[in-house]
Amino acid sequence: SSVSLFAARSSSKDRSRKRAAIRKPKPTDATSADTPMIGISASLSSAVASPDRVAKRQRIAQRFSEFIDSHYVISDSETLKPYECDGLSAYCEEALIVVLPSSVEQAQKVLKICHEEGVPVVARGAGTGLCAGAMPHGDGVVMSMAKFNKILEIDTDARAARVQPGVR
């Protein structure tokens, strides 16, 4: 038992060292073309949208707006900013579109359209995770489940709750 405890401690230290190495890259020559740009390189690369990307964004946004209020179909770069990452802001990527369905039926329609268009989907809960689990795909749709924010059941005996994905 003490051996497994020691192994758990050492692996935890290894993970901490790896995280630190990711967060704090070693200094390199400032003129080097391979200078690390963690957190901003992906965001900057998608800042200049190609005509194909713009057309695709408009087409898909229009399809979503047929059944979701246009205020909840986000396609402009400024409003997309909060959805570039979750609680771990070291890695950022601008999605093609963010959509906030308010019903299961709307979520199903979003998934159907994305399948038809061949567009990847990232489901996002409250966006509070610290593991980049809600990291958007640059050519994909973020389906924010923030409107699904109800507590469905609380079992005090089991000390458990059943909640929708947008509960904070």
N, C-alpha and C. Protein backbone atom coordinates (compact mmCIF):
# COMPACT_ATOMS: atom_id res chain seq x y z
N SER A 1 0.82 -1.20 0.00
CA SER A 1 0.00 0.00 0.00
C SER A 1 0.86 1.26 0.00
N SER A 2 1.99 1.24 0.77
CA SER A 2 2.86 2.41 0.77
C SER A 2 3.56 2.59 -0.57
N VAL A 3 3.78 1.48 -1.28
CA VAL A 3 4.41 1.57 -2.59
C VAL A 3 3.50 2.28 -3.58
N SER A 4 2.21 1.92 -3.58
CA SER A 4 1.29 2.57 -4.51
C SER A 4 1.09 4.04 -4.15
N LEU A 5 1.14 4.35 -2.85
CA LEU A 5 1.02 5.75 -2.44
C LEU A 5 2.22 6.53 -2.94
N PHE A 6 3.43 5.94 -2.83
CA PHE A 6 4.63 6.60 -3.32
C PHE A 6 4.55 6.80 -4.84
N ALA A 7 4.07 5.78 -5.54
CA ALA A 7 3.95 5.87 -7.00
C ALA A 7 2.98 6.97 -7.38
N ALA A 8 1.88 7.09 -6.64
CA ALA A 8 0.91 8.14 -6.94
C ALA A 8 1.53 9.51 -6.72
N ARG A 9 2.33 9.65 -5.66
CA ARG A 9 2.98 10.94 -5.40
C ARG A 9 3.96 11.29 -6.51
N SER A 10 4.77 10.34 -6.91
CA SER A 10 5.77 10.65 -7.93
C SER A 10 5.11 10.96 -9.27
N SER A 11 4.03 10.26 -9.61
CA SER A 11 3.37 10.57 -10.88
C SER A 11 2.71 11.93 -10.83
N SER A 12 2.23 12.32 -9.67
CA SER A 12 1.64 13.65 -9.51
C SER A 12 2.70 14.73 -9.72
N LYS A 13 3.91 14.50 -9.18
CA LYS A 13 5.00 15.45 -9.37
C LYS A 13 5.38 15.53 -10.84
N ASP A 14 5.42 14.37 -11.50
CA ASP A 14 5.75 14.36 -12.93
C ASP A 14 4.74 15.16 -13.73
N ARG A 15 3.45 15.01 -13.40
CA ARG A 15 2.42 15.77 -14.11
C ARG A 15 2.59 17.26 -13.86
N SER A 16 2.92 17.64 -12.62
CA SER A 16 3.12 19.05 -12.30
C SER A 16 4.29 19.63 -13.09
N ARG A 17 5.37 18.85 -13.19
CA ARG A 17 6.53 19.32 -13.97
C ARG A 17 6.17 19.50 -15.44
N LYS A 18 5.40 18.55 -15.98
CA LYS A 18 5.00 18.64 -17.38
C LYS A 18 4.13 19.86 -17.61
N ARG A 19 3.18 20.11 -16.67
CA ARG A 19 2.32 21.29 -16.81
C ARG A 19 3.15 22.56 -16.76
N ALA A 20 4.12 22.62 -15.84
CA ALA A 20 4.97 23.81 -15.72
C ALA A 20 5.77 24.02 -17.00
N ALA A 21 6.24 22.93 -17.59
CA ALA A 21 7.01 23.04 -18.83
C ALA A 21 6.14 23.57 -19.96
N ILE A 22 4.87 23.19 -19.98
CA ILE A 22 3.96 23.68 -21.01
C ILE A 22 3.68 25.16 -20.81
N ARG A 23 3.44 25.55 -19.56
CA ARG A 23 3.09 26.94 -19.27
C ARG A 23 4.26 27.89 -19.44
N LYS A 24 5.46 27.43 -19.10
CA LYS A 24 6.62 28.30 -19.13
C LYS A 24 7.66 27.73 -20.09
N PRO A 25 7.53 28.02 -21.38
CA PRO A 25 8.51 27.49 -22.32
C PRO A 25 9.89 28.08 -22.05
N LYS A 26 10.92 27.31 -22.37
CA LYS A 26 12.28 27.78 -22.19
C LYS A 26 12.51 28.96 -23.12
N PRO A 27 13.25 29.96 -22.65
CA PRO A 27 13.52 31.12 -23.51
C PRO A 27 14.29 30.69 -24.75
N THR A 28 13.92 31.27 -25.88
CA THR A 28 14.61 31.00 -27.13
C THR A 28 14.99 32.31 -27.77
N ASP A 29 15.74 32.25 -28.81
CA ASP A 29 16.14 33.45 -29.53
C ASP A 29 14.90 34.16 -30.05
N ALA A 30 14.76 35.44 -29.80
CA ALA A 30 13.55 36.21 -30.16
C ALA A 30 13.33 36.25 -31.67
N THR A 31 14.37 36.06 -32.44
CA THR A 31 14.20 36.11 -33.89
C THR A 31 13.90 34.74 -34.48
N SER A 32 13.87 33.73 -33.63
CA SER A 32 13.64 32.37 -34.11
C SER A 32 12.22 32.20 -34.61
N ALA A 33 12.06 31.52 -35.73
CA ALA A 33 10.73 31.29 -36.31
C ALA A 33 9.92 30.30 -35.51
N ASP A 34 10.59 29.50 -34.66
CA ASP A 34 9.85 28.49 -33.91
C ASP A 34 9.62 28.91 -32.46
N THR A 35 9.58 30.21 -32.19
CA THR A 35 9.31 30.70 -30.85
C THR A 35 7.91 30.28 -30.44
N PRO A 36 7.76 29.62 -29.27
CA PRO A 36 6.44 29.16 -28.84
C PRO A 36 5.49 30.33 -28.59
N MET A 37 4.27 30.16 -29.02
CA MET A 37 3.23 31.18 -28.79
C MET A 37 2.01 30.48 -28.22
N ILE A 38 2.14 29.92 -27.05
CA ILE A 38 1.05 29.18 -26.44
C ILE A 38 -0.10 30.12 -26.12
N GLY A 39 -1.29 29.72 -26.48
CA GLY A 39 -2.49 30.47 -26.13
C GLY A 39 -2.90 31.50 -27.16
N ILE A 40 -1.97 32.02 -27.95
CA ILE A 40 -2.39 33.04 -28.91
C ILE A 40 -2.17 32.63 -30.35
N SER A 41 -1.33 31.66 -30.59
CA SER A 41 -1.04 31.32 -31.99
C SER A 41 -2.28 30.84 -32.73
N ALA A 42 -3.07 29.97 -32.11
CA ALA A 42 -4.26 29.45 -32.77
C ALA A 42 -5.28 30.56 -32.97
N SER A 43 -5.41 31.42 -31.97
CA SER A 43 -6.38 32.50 -32.05
C SER A 43 -6.01 33.47 -33.17
N LEU A 44 -4.71 33.80 -33.28
CA LEU A 44 -4.28 34.72 -34.32
C LEU A 44 -4.40 34.10 -35.69
N SER A 45 -4.16 32.81 -35.79
CA SER A 45 -4.21 32.17 -37.10
C SER A 45 -5.62 32.16 -37.68
N SER A 46 -6.63 32.14 -36.81
CA SER A 46 -7.99 32.12 -37.32
C SER A 46 -8.60 33.51 -37.41
N ALA A 47 -7.81 34.55 -37.03
CA ALA A 47 -8.32 35.91 -37.05
C ALA A 47 -8.57 36.39 -38.48
N VAL A 48 -7.76 35.94 -39.42
CA VAL A 48 -7.94 36.31 -40.81
C VAL A 48 -8.73 35.20 -41.48
N ALA A 49 -10.00 35.48 -41.74
CA ALA A 49 -10.90 34.45 -42.28
C ALA A 49 -10.85 34.44 -43.79
N SER A 50 -10.74 33.24 -44.33
CA SER A 50 -10.75 33.08 -45.78
C SER A 50 -12.18 33.26 -46.29
N PRO A 51 -12.33 33.58 -47.59
CA PRO A 51 -13.68 33.72 -48.14
C PRO A 51 -14.52 32.45 -47.98
N ASP A 52 -13.87 31.28 -48.10
CA ASP A 52 -14.60 30.01 -47.92
C ASP A 52 -15.12 29.88 -46.50
N ARG A 53 -14.28 30.25 -45.53
CA ARG A 53 -14.68 30.17 -44.12
C ARG A 53 -15.84 31.12 -43.83
N VAL A 54 -15.78 32.32 -44.38
CA VAL A 54 -16.85 33.30 -44.18
C VAL A 54 -18.15 32.78 -44.78
N ALA A 55 -18.09 32.23 -45.97
CA ALA A 55 -19.30 31.70 -46.63
C ALA A 55 -19.88 30.52 -45.85
N LYS A 56 -19.01 29.64 -45.39
CA LYS A 56 -19.46 28.49 -44.60
C LYS A 56 -20.10 28.96 -43.30
N ARG A 57 -19.48 29.93 -42.63
CA ARG A 57 -20.01 30.49 -41.38
C ARG A 57 -21.41 31.07 -41.63
N GLN A 58 -21.57 31.86 -42.69
CA GLN A 58 -22.86 32.49 -42.98
C GLN A 58 -23.92 31.45 -43.31
N ARG A 59 -23.55 30.44 -44.09
CA ARG A 59 -24.50 29.40 -44.49
C ARG A 59 -25.01 28.62 -43.28
N ILE A 60 -24.10 28.21 -42.43
CA ILE A 60 -24.50 27.41 -41.26
C ILE A 60 -25.25 28.28 -40.25
N ALA A 61 -24.81 29.50 -40.05
CA ALA A 61 -25.52 30.41 -39.13
C ALA A 61 -26.95 30.63 -39.59
N GLN A 62 -27.14 30.78 -40.89
CA GLN A 62 -28.49 30.97 -41.45
C GLN A 62 -29.36 29.74 -41.16
N ARG A 63 -28.80 28.56 -41.33
CA ARG A 63 -29.56 27.33 -41.07
C ARG A 63 -29.95 27.23 -39.60
N PHE A 64 -29.03 27.58 -38.70
CA PHE A 64 -29.34 27.54 -37.27
C PHE A 64 -30.40 28.59 -36.90
N SER A 65 -30.33 29.75 -37.53
CA SER A 65 -31.26 30.85 -37.23
C SER A 65 -32.69 30.54 -37.64
N GLU A 66 -32.89 29.50 -38.43
CA GLU A 66 -34.25 29.10 -38.81
C GLU A 66 -35.03 28.53 -37.64
N PHE A 67 -34.34 28.01 -36.60
CA PHE A 67 -35.05 27.43 -35.47
C PHE A 67 -34.52 27.87 -34.10
N ILE A 68 -33.44 28.67 -34.10
CA ILE A 68 -32.91 29.24 -32.86
C ILE A 68 -32.86 30.75 -33.04
N ASP A 69 -33.28 31.50 -32.02
CA ASP A 69 -33.24 32.96 -32.06
C ASP A 69 -31.83 33.40 -32.47
N SER A 70 -31.73 34.34 -33.39
CA SER A 70 -30.43 34.75 -33.93
C SER A 70 -29.49 35.32 -32.86
N HIS A 71 -30.02 35.77 -31.72
CA HIS A 71 -29.15 36.22 -30.62
C HIS A 71 -28.34 35.06 -30.03
N TYR A 72 -28.79 33.85 -30.26
CA TYR A 72 -28.13 32.67 -29.70
C TYR A 72 -27.38 31.86 -30.76
N VAL A 73 -27.16 32.49 -31.91
CA VAL A 73 -26.30 31.93 -32.95
C VAL A 73 -25.18 32.96 -33.13
N ILE A 74 -24.02 32.66 -32.56
CA ILE A 74 -22.93 33.63 -32.49
C ILE A 74 -21.91 33.32 -33.58
N SER A 75 -21.66 34.33 -34.42
CA SER A 75 -20.72 34.10 -35.52
C SER A 75 -19.74 35.24 -35.72
N ASP A 76 -19.83 36.33 -34.94
CA ASP A 76 -18.86 37.42 -35.11
C ASP A 76 -17.69 37.22 -34.14
N SER A 77 -16.50 37.56 -34.60
CA SER A 77 -15.27 37.29 -33.85
C SER A 77 -15.27 37.87 -32.44
N GLU A 78 -15.79 39.06 -32.27
CA GLU A 78 -15.77 39.68 -30.94
C GLU A 78 -16.62 38.90 -29.94
N THR A 79 -17.79 38.47 -30.35
CA THR A 79 -18.69 37.74 -29.45
C THR A 79 -18.24 36.30 -29.27
N LEU A 80 -17.44 35.77 -30.18
CA LEU A 80 -16.92 34.41 -30.05
C LEU A 80 -15.80 34.32 -29.01
N LYS A 81 -15.17 35.43 -28.66
CA LYS A 81 -14.00 35.43 -27.77
C LYS A 81 -14.20 34.64 -26.48
N PRO A 82 -15.31 34.82 -25.73
CA PRO A 82 -15.44 34.08 -24.47
C PRO A 82 -15.51 32.57 -24.64
N TYR A 83 -15.75 32.11 -25.85
CA TYR A 83 -15.88 30.67 -26.11
C TYR A 83 -14.60 30.06 -26.67
N GLU A 84 -13.51 30.83 -26.76
CA GLU A 84 -12.25 30.33 -27.31
C GLU A 84 -11.61 29.27 -26.43
N CYS A 85 -11.95 29.25 -25.16
CA CYS A 85 -11.33 28.30 -24.23
C CYS A 85 -12.29 28.09 -23.06
N ASP A 86 -11.95 27.12 -22.21
CA ASP A 86 -12.70 26.95 -20.98
C ASP A 86 -11.92 27.65 -19.86
N GLY A 87 -11.99 27.16 -18.65
CA GLY A 87 -11.28 27.78 -17.53
C GLY A 87 -9.77 27.76 -17.70
N LEU A 88 -9.24 26.89 -18.54
CA LEU A 88 -7.81 26.82 -18.84
C LEU A 88 -7.56 27.68 -20.08
N SER A 89 -7.06 28.88 -19.87
CA SER A 89 -6.92 29.81 -20.99
C SER A 89 -5.56 29.74 -21.68
N ALA A 90 -4.78 28.72 -21.38
CA ALA A 90 -3.47 28.58 -22.03
C ALA A 90 -3.62 28.20 -23.50
N TYR A 91 -4.72 27.56 -23.85
CA TYR A 91 -4.95 27.13 -25.22
C TYR A 91 -6.25 27.75 -25.72
N CYS A 92 -6.18 28.46 -26.83
CA CYS A 92 -7.36 29.14 -27.36
C CYS A 92 -7.51 28.84 -28.85
N GLU A 93 -8.75 28.81 -29.29
CA GLU A 93 -9.06 28.60 -30.70
C GLU A 93 -10.43 29.21 -30.96
N GLU A 94 -10.57 29.97 -32.02
CA GLU A 94 -11.87 30.54 -32.37
C GLU A 94 -12.67 29.53 -33.16
N ALA A 95 -13.88 29.26 -32.70
CA ALA A 95 -14.78 28.35 -33.40
C ALA A 95 -15.38 29.04 -34.61
N LEU A 96 -15.92 28.26 -35.50
CA LEU A 96 -16.64 28.80 -36.65
C LEU A 96 -17.89 29.52 -36.17
N ILE A 97 -18.65 28.85 -35.31
CA ILE A 97 -19.91 29.37 -34.77
C ILE A 97 -20.10 28.82 -33.37
N VAL A 98 -20.78 29.59 -32.54
CA VAL A 98 -21.25 29.11 -31.24
C VAL A 98 -22.76 29.18 -31.27
N VAL A 99 -23.40 28.12 -30.85
CA VAL A 99 -24.86 28.09 -30.84
C VAL A 99 -25.32 27.68 -29.44
N LEU A 100 -26.39 28.30 -28.96
CA LEU A 100 -26.92 28.02 -27.63
C LEU A 100 -28.36 27.52 -27.75
N PRO A 101 -28.55 26.22 -27.95
CA PRO A 101 -29.92 25.69 -28.02
C PRO A 101 -30.58 25.75 -26.64
N SER A 102 -31.90 25.79 -26.64
CA SER A 102 -32.62 25.85 -25.36
C SER A 102 -33.49 24.63 -25.13
N SER A 103 -33.50 23.70 -26.07
CA SER A 103 -34.29 22.48 -25.91
C SER A 103 -33.54 21.30 -26.52
N VAL A 104 -33.94 20.13 -26.13
CA VAL A 104 -33.34 18.91 -26.68
C VAL A 104 -33.57 18.86 -28.19
N GLU A 105 -34.74 19.26 -28.62
CA GLU A 105 -35.06 19.24 -30.05
C GLU A 105 -34.13 20.16 -30.84
N GLN A 106 -33.86 21.35 -30.30
CA GLN A 106 -32.94 22.27 -30.97
C GLN A 106 -31.53 21.68 -31.02
N ALA A 107 -31.09 21.07 -29.94
CA ALA A 107 -29.77 20.44 -29.90
C ALA A 107 -29.68 19.33 -30.95
N GLN A 108 -30.74 18.55 -31.09
CA GLN A 108 -30.76 17.49 -32.10
C GLN A 108 -30.67 18.06 -33.50
N LYS A 109 -31.37 19.16 -33.77
CA LYS A 109 -31.31 19.79 -35.09
C LYS A 109 -29.91 20.33 -35.38
N VAL A 110 -29.27 20.93 -34.36
CA VAL A 110 -27.90 21.43 -34.53
C VAL A 110 -26.98 20.29 -34.93
N LEU A 111 -27.08 19.17 -34.22
CA LEU A 111 -26.23 18.02 -34.52
C LEU A 111 -26.50 17.46 -35.91
N LYS A 112 -27.76 17.45 -36.31
CA LYS A 112 -28.11 16.95 -37.64
C LYS A 112 -27.51 17.84 -38.74
N ILE A 113 -27.63 19.14 -38.57
CA ILE A 113 -27.07 20.07 -39.56
C ILE A 113 -25.55 19.94 -39.63
N CYS A 114 -24.91 19.85 -38.47
CA CYS A 114 -23.45 19.71 -38.45
C CYS A 114 -23.02 18.42 -39.13
N HIS A 115 -23.79 17.36 -38.93
CA HIS A 115 -23.48 16.09 -39.60
C HIS A 115 -23.61 16.25 -41.12
N GLU A 116 -24.69 16.89 -41.56
CA GLU A 116 -24.90 17.11 -42.99
C GLU A 116 -23.80 17.96 -43.61
N GLU A 117 -23.31 18.95 -42.85
CA GLU A 117 -22.29 19.87 -43.36
C GLU A 117 -20.87 19.32 -43.16
N GLY A 118 -20.75 18.22 -42.43
CA GLY A 118 -19.42 17.66 -42.15
C GLY A 118 -18.61 18.54 -41.21
N VAL A 119 -19.29 19.17 -40.27
CA VAL A 119 -18.66 20.11 -39.35
C VAL A 119 -18.53 19.47 -37.97
N PRO A 120 -17.33 19.50 -37.36
CA PRO A 120 -17.18 18.95 -36.02
C PRO A 120 -17.92 19.78 -34.98
N VAL A 121 -18.37 19.12 -33.91
CA VAL A 121 -19.11 19.79 -32.84
C VAL A 121 -18.39 19.54 -31.52
N VAL A 122 -18.27 20.59 -30.73
CA VAL A 122 -17.76 20.48 -29.37
C VAL A 122 -18.89 20.92 -28.45
N ALA A 123 -19.32 20.02 -27.58
CA ALA A 123 -20.34 20.36 -26.60
C ALA A 123 -19.66 21.04 -25.42
N ARG A 124 -20.23 22.14 -24.97
CA ARG A 124 -19.65 22.92 -23.88
C ARG A 124 -20.70 23.09 -22.79
N GLY A 125 -20.34 22.74 -21.57
CA GLY A 125 -21.25 22.93 -20.44
C GLY A 125 -21.19 24.36 -19.96
N ALA A 126 -20.77 24.55 -18.73
CA ALA A 126 -20.70 25.90 -18.16
C ALA A 126 -19.39 26.60 -18.52
N GLY A 127 -18.43 25.87 -19.11
CA GLY A 127 -17.16 26.47 -19.50
C GLY A 127 -16.22 26.71 -18.35
N THR A 128 -16.41 25.99 -17.25
CA THR A 128 -15.59 26.20 -16.07
C THR A 128 -14.50 25.15 -15.90
N GLY A 129 -14.40 24.20 -16.83
CA GLY A 129 -13.40 23.14 -16.72
C GLY A 129 -11.99 23.68 -16.84
N LEU A 130 -11.04 22.95 -16.27
CA LEU A 130 -9.64 23.37 -16.29
C LEU A 130 -8.75 22.40 -17.06
N CYS A 131 -9.34 21.64 -17.98
CA CYS A 131 -8.55 20.64 -18.70
C CYS A 131 -8.66 20.79 -20.22
N ALA A 132 -9.14 21.91 -20.70
CA ALA A 132 -9.31 22.17 -22.14
C ALA A 132 -10.27 21.19 -22.79
N GLY A 133 -11.21 20.66 -22.02
CA GLY A 133 -12.19 19.72 -22.55
C GLY A 133 -13.21 20.39 -23.46
N ALA A 134 -13.38 21.69 -23.35
CA ALA A 134 -14.32 22.42 -24.20
C ALA A 134 -13.58 23.24 -25.26
N MET A 135 -12.38 22.80 -25.60
CA MET A 135 -11.57 23.50 -26.61
C MET A 135 -12.26 23.41 -27.96
N PRO A 136 -12.58 24.55 -28.56
CA PRO A 136 -13.26 24.52 -29.86
C PRO A 136 -12.36 24.01 -30.98
N HIS A 137 -12.98 23.53 -32.01
CA HIS A 137 -12.30 23.16 -33.25
C HIS A 137 -12.39 24.39 -34.15
N GLY A 138 -11.32 24.77 -34.78
CA GLY A 138 -11.29 25.98 -35.59
C GLY A 138 -12.29 26.00 -36.73
N ASP A 139 -12.64 24.84 -37.25
CA ASP A 139 -13.62 24.77 -38.34
C ASP A 139 -14.91 24.13 -37.86
N GLY A 140 -15.16 24.21 -36.56
CA GLY A 140 -16.32 23.53 -36.00
C GLY A 140 -17.27 24.46 -35.27
N VAL A 141 -18.28 23.82 -34.71
CA VAL A 141 -19.33 24.52 -33.97
C VAL A 141 -19.20 24.16 -32.50
N VAL A 142 -19.30 25.17 -31.66
CA VAL A 142 -19.40 24.95 -30.22
C VAL A 142 -20.88 24.99 -29.88
N MET A 143 -21.38 23.91 -29.33
CA MET A 143 -22.77 23.87 -28.89
C MET A 143 -22.76 24.08 -27.38
N SER A 144 -23.02 25.31 -26.98
CA SER A 144 -23.02 25.65 -25.56
C SER A 144 -24.31 25.16 -24.92
N MET A 145 -24.15 24.41 -23.87
CA MET A 145 -25.30 23.88 -23.16
C MET A 145 -25.66 24.75 -21.96
N ALA A 146 -25.24 26.01 -21.96
CA ALA A 146 -25.44 26.92 -20.84
C ALA A 146 -26.91 27.13 -20.49
N LYS A 147 -27.79 27.03 -21.46
CA LYS A 147 -29.22 27.20 -21.19
C LYS A 147 -29.83 25.97 -20.53
N PHE A 148 -29.11 24.86 -20.55
CA PHE A 148 -29.55 23.65 -19.86
C PHE A 148 -28.99 23.73 -18.44
N ASN A 149 -29.64 24.52 -17.59
CA ASN A 149 -29.06 24.85 -16.29
C ASN A 149 -29.96 24.48 -15.10
N LYS A 150 -30.69 23.42 -15.24
CA LYS A 150 -31.61 23.01 -14.17
C LYS A 150 -31.03 21.88 -13.33
N ILE A 151 -31.32 21.94 -12.04
CA ILE A 151 -31.01 20.83 -11.14
C ILE A 151 -32.21 19.90 -11.21
N LEU A 152 -32.01 18.69 -11.67
CA LEU A 152 -33.11 17.76 -11.92
C LEU A 152 -33.51 16.97 -10.68
N GLU A 153 -32.52 16.61 -9.87
CA GLU A 153 -32.82 15.77 -8.72
C GLU A 153 -31.69 15.89 -7.70
N ILE A 154 -32.05 15.92 -6.43
CA ILE A 154 -31.05 15.89 -5.36
C ILE A 154 -31.39 14.73 -4.45
N ASP A 155 -30.42 13.85 -4.25
CA ASP A 155 -30.57 12.70 -3.36
C ASP A 155 -29.68 12.96 -2.16
N THR A 156 -30.28 13.45 -1.08
CA THR A 156 -29.49 13.81 0.10
C THR A 156 -28.88 12.60 0.78
N ASP A 157 -29.57 11.47 0.74
CA ASP A 157 -29.03 10.26 1.36
C ASP A 157 -27.74 9.80 0.66
N ALA A 158 -27.75 9.84 -0.65
CA ALA A 158 -26.58 9.42 -1.43
C ALA A 158 -25.60 10.57 -1.65
N ARG A 159 -26.00 11.76 -1.20
CA ARG A 159 -25.19 12.97 -1.41
C ARG A 159 -24.83 13.13 -2.89
N ALA A 160 -25.85 13.05 -3.71
CA ALA A 160 -25.66 13.14 -5.17
C ALA A 160 -26.75 14.02 -5.76
N ALA A 161 -26.43 14.58 -6.91
CA ALA A 161 -27.40 15.39 -7.64
C ALA A 161 -27.34 15.02 -9.10
N ARG A 162 -28.47 15.11 -9.76
CA ARG A 162 -28.55 14.91 -11.21
C ARG A 162 -28.86 16.29 -11.79
N VAL A 163 -27.94 16.79 -12.61
CA VAL A 163 -28.06 18.15 -13.12
C VAL A 163 -27.88 18.17 -14.64
N GLN A 164 -28.36 19.24 -15.27
CA GLN A 164 -28.12 19.44 -16.68
C GLN A 164 -26.71 20.00 -16.86
N PRO A 165 -26.14 19.92 -18.08
CA PRO A 165 -24.73 20.27 -18.27
C PRO A 165 -24.37 21.73 -18.06
N GLY A 166 -25.32 22.64 -18.06
CA GLY A 166 -25.00 24.07 -17.90
C GLY A 166 -25.03 24.55 -16.46
N VAL A 167 -25.27 23.67 -15.51
CA VAL A 167 -25.32 24.07 -14.09
C VAL A 167 -23.92 24.44 -13.65
N ARG A 168 -23.82 25.58 -12.99
CA ARG A 168 -22.51 26.04 -12.48
C ARG A 168 -22.36 25.71 -11.02
